Amino acid sequence: MKPIQFESDVKSGVIRIPEQYVGIIPRVVRVTLAPAHETRIISATKSGAGALTSGDFSALKIDTRDWTFDRGDVNERR
């Protein structure tokens, strides 16, 4: 049997299997759980001034015109 993937709400520890799969799923299965949508909620605030916004950040510019790059030096094992 090929693996089947679907999204389902977990209610009181029960995962509902969609009707289209009920007849083809064997009696014993291996279950792997993963969140349907990976989310990371990060809350950050400025010092006493409220939540951060995109306007609080700026791009960093570095002038590299006078830099030299030697691949041999970079890859040299020390």
C-alpha atoms as a PDB file:
ATOM      1  CA  MET A   1       0.000   0.000   0.000  1.00  0.00           C
ATOM      2  CA  LYS A   2       1.262   3.469  -0.850  1.00  0.00           C
ATOM      3  CA  PRO A   3       1.419   6.020   1.981  1.00  0.00           C
ATOM      4  CA  ILE A   4      -1.637   8.247   2.300  1.00  0.00           C
ATOM      5  CA  GLN A   5      -1.388  11.847   3.439  1.00  0.00           C
ATOM      6  CA  PHE A   6      -4.261  14.049   4.584  1.00  0.00           C
ATOM      7  CA  GLU A   7      -5.003  16.812   7.069  1.00  0.00           C
ATOM      8  CA  SER A   8      -7.369  16.236   9.956  1.00  0.00           C
ATOM      9  CA  ASP A   9      -8.379  18.010  13.144  1.00  0.00           C
ATOM     10  CA  VAL A  10      -7.495  16.171  16.343  1.00  0.00           C
ATOM     11  CA  LYS A  11     -10.438  16.202  18.750  1.00  0.00           C
ATOM     12  CA  SER A  12     -10.113  14.567  22.160  1.00  0.00           C
ATOM     13  CA  GLY A  13      -7.222  12.476  20.862  1.00  0.00           C
ATOM     14  CA  VAL A  14      -9.187  11.173  17.857  1.00  0.00           C
ATOM     15  CA  ILE A  15      -8.063  11.658  14.250  1.00  0.00           C
ATOM     16  CA  ARG A  16     -10.873  11.364  11.703  1.00  0.00           C
ATOM     17  CA  ILE A  17      -9.909   9.494   8.526  1.00  0.00           C
ATOM     18  CA  PRO A  18     -11.520  10.975   5.375  1.00  0.00           C
ATOM     19  CA  GLU A  19     -14.250   8.812   3.824  1.00  0.00           C
ATOM     20  CA  GLN A  20     -12.327   8.218   0.563  1.00  0.00           C
ATOM     21  CA  TYR A  21      -9.645   6.304   2.533  1.00  0.00           C
ATOM     22  CA  VAL A  22     -11.794   4.329   4.983  1.00  0.00           C
ATOM     23  CA  GLY A  23     -12.270   1.329   2.667  1.00  0.00           C
ATOM     24  CA  ILE A  24      -8.625   1.020   1.613  1.00  0.00           C
ATOM     25  CA  ILE A  25      -6.818   1.424   4.930  1.00  0.00           C
ATOM     26  CA  PRO A  26      -5.781  -1.874   6.524  1.00  0.00           C
ATOM     27  CA  ARG A  27      -6.767  -2.738  10.091  1.00  0.00           C
ATOM     28  CA  VAL A  28      -3.277  -2.012  11.491  1.00  0.00           C
ATOM     29  CA  VAL A  29      -1.352   1.080  10.354  1.00  0.00           C
ATOM     30  CA  ARG A  30       1.720   3.046  11.396  1.00  0.00           C
ATOM     31  CA  VAL A  31       0.952   6.677  12.241  1.00  0.00           C
ATOM     32  CA  THR A  32       3.389   9.595  12.076  1.00  0.00           C
ATOM     33  CA  LEU A  33       2.140  12.974  13.247  1.00  0.00           C
ATOM     34  CA  ALA A  34       3.373  16.370  12.100  1.00  0.00           C
ATOM     35  CA  PRO A  35       1.780  19.807  12.298  1.00  0.00           C
ATOM     36  CA  ALA A  36      -0.139  20.671   9.124  1.00  0.00           C
ATOM     37  CA  HIS A  37       1.276  24.170   9.073  1.00  0.00           C
ATOM     38  CA  GLU A  38       4.616  24.954  10.631  1.00  0.00           C
ATOM     39  CA  THR A  39       4.352  28.193  12.540  1.00  0.00           C
ATOM     40  CA  ARG A  40       6.715  30.003  14.823  1.00  0.00           C
ATOM     41  CA  ILE A  41       5.228  32.840  16.759  1.00  0.00           C
ATOM     42  CA  ILE A  42       7.831  35.276  17.970  1.00  0.00           C
ATOM     43  CA  SER A  43       6.826  38.205  20.081  1.00  0.00           C
ATOM     44  CA  ALA A  44       9.281  41.050  20.335  1.00  0.00           C
ATOM     45  CA  THR A  45       8.911  44.585  21.528  1.00  0.00           C
ATOM     46  CA  LYS A  46      10.996  47.705  21.369  1.00  0.00           C
ATOM     47  CA  SER A  47      12.194  48.959  24.711  1.00  0.00           C
ATOM     48  CA  GLY A  48       8.948  50.381  26.045  1.00  0.00           C
ATOM     49  CA  ALA A  49       7.681  51.490  22.630  1.00  0.00           C
ATOM     50  CA  GLY A  50       5.383  48.640  21.555  1.00  0.00           C
ATOM     51  CA  ALA A  51       5.637  45.839  18.996  1.00  0.00           C
ATOM     52  CA  LEU A  52       8.315  45.736  16.313  1.00  0.00           C
ATOM     53  CA  THR A  53       7.328  46.512  12.720  1.00  0.00           C
ATOM     54  CA  SER A  54       9.175  46.124   9.418  1.00  0.00           C
ATOM     55  CA  GLY A  55      10.052  49.826   9.612  1.00  0.00           C
ATOM     56  CA  ASP A  56      12.225  49.111  12.654  1.00  0.00           C
ATOM     57  CA  PHE A  57      14.760  47.238  10.507  1.00  0.00           C
ATOM     58  CA  SER A  58      17.094  48.468   7.792  1.00  0.00           C
ATOM     59  CA  ALA A  59      19.418  46.792   5.318  1.00  0.00           C
ATOM     60  CA  LEU A  60      23.102  46.556   6.097  1.00  0.00           C
ATOM     61  CA  LYS A  61      25.432  47.850   3.381  1.00  0.00           C
ATOM     62  CA  ILE A  62      29.089  46.876   3.314  1.00  0.00           C
ATOM     63  CA  ASP A  63      31.493  48.335   0.790  1.00  0.00           C
ATOM     64  CA  THR A  64      33.557  45.381  -0.483  1.00  0.00           C
ATOM     65  CA  ARG A  65      35.265  47.085  -3.444  1.00  0.00           C
ATOM     66  CA  ASP A  66      38.688  47.112  -1.748  1.00  0.00           C
ATOM     67  CA  TRP A  67      38.479  43.563  -0.402  1.00  0.00           C
ATOM     68  CA  THR A  68      40.635  40.839  -1.892  1.00  0.00           C
ATOM     69  CA  PHE A  69      39.552  37.244  -2.106  1.00  0.00           C
ATOM     70  CA  ASP A  70      41.887  34.337  -2.646  1.00  0.00           C
ATOM     71  CA  ARG A  71      40.097  30.993  -2.870  1.00  0.00           C
ATOM     72  CA  GLY A  72      43.339  29.189  -1.965  1.00  0.00           C
ATOM     73  CA  ASP A  73      43.600  31.097   1.304  1.00  0.00           C
ATOM     74  CA  VAL A  74      39.988  30.445   2.134  1.00  0.00           C
ATOM     75  CA  ASN A  75      40.214  26.703   1.506  1.00  0.00           C
ATOM     76  CA  GLU A  76      43.634  26.227   3.078  1.00  0.00           C
ATOM     77  CA  ARG A  77      43.568  23.702   5.888  1.00  0.00           C
ATOM     78  CA  ARG A  78      45.277  24.955   9.000  1.00  0.00           C
END
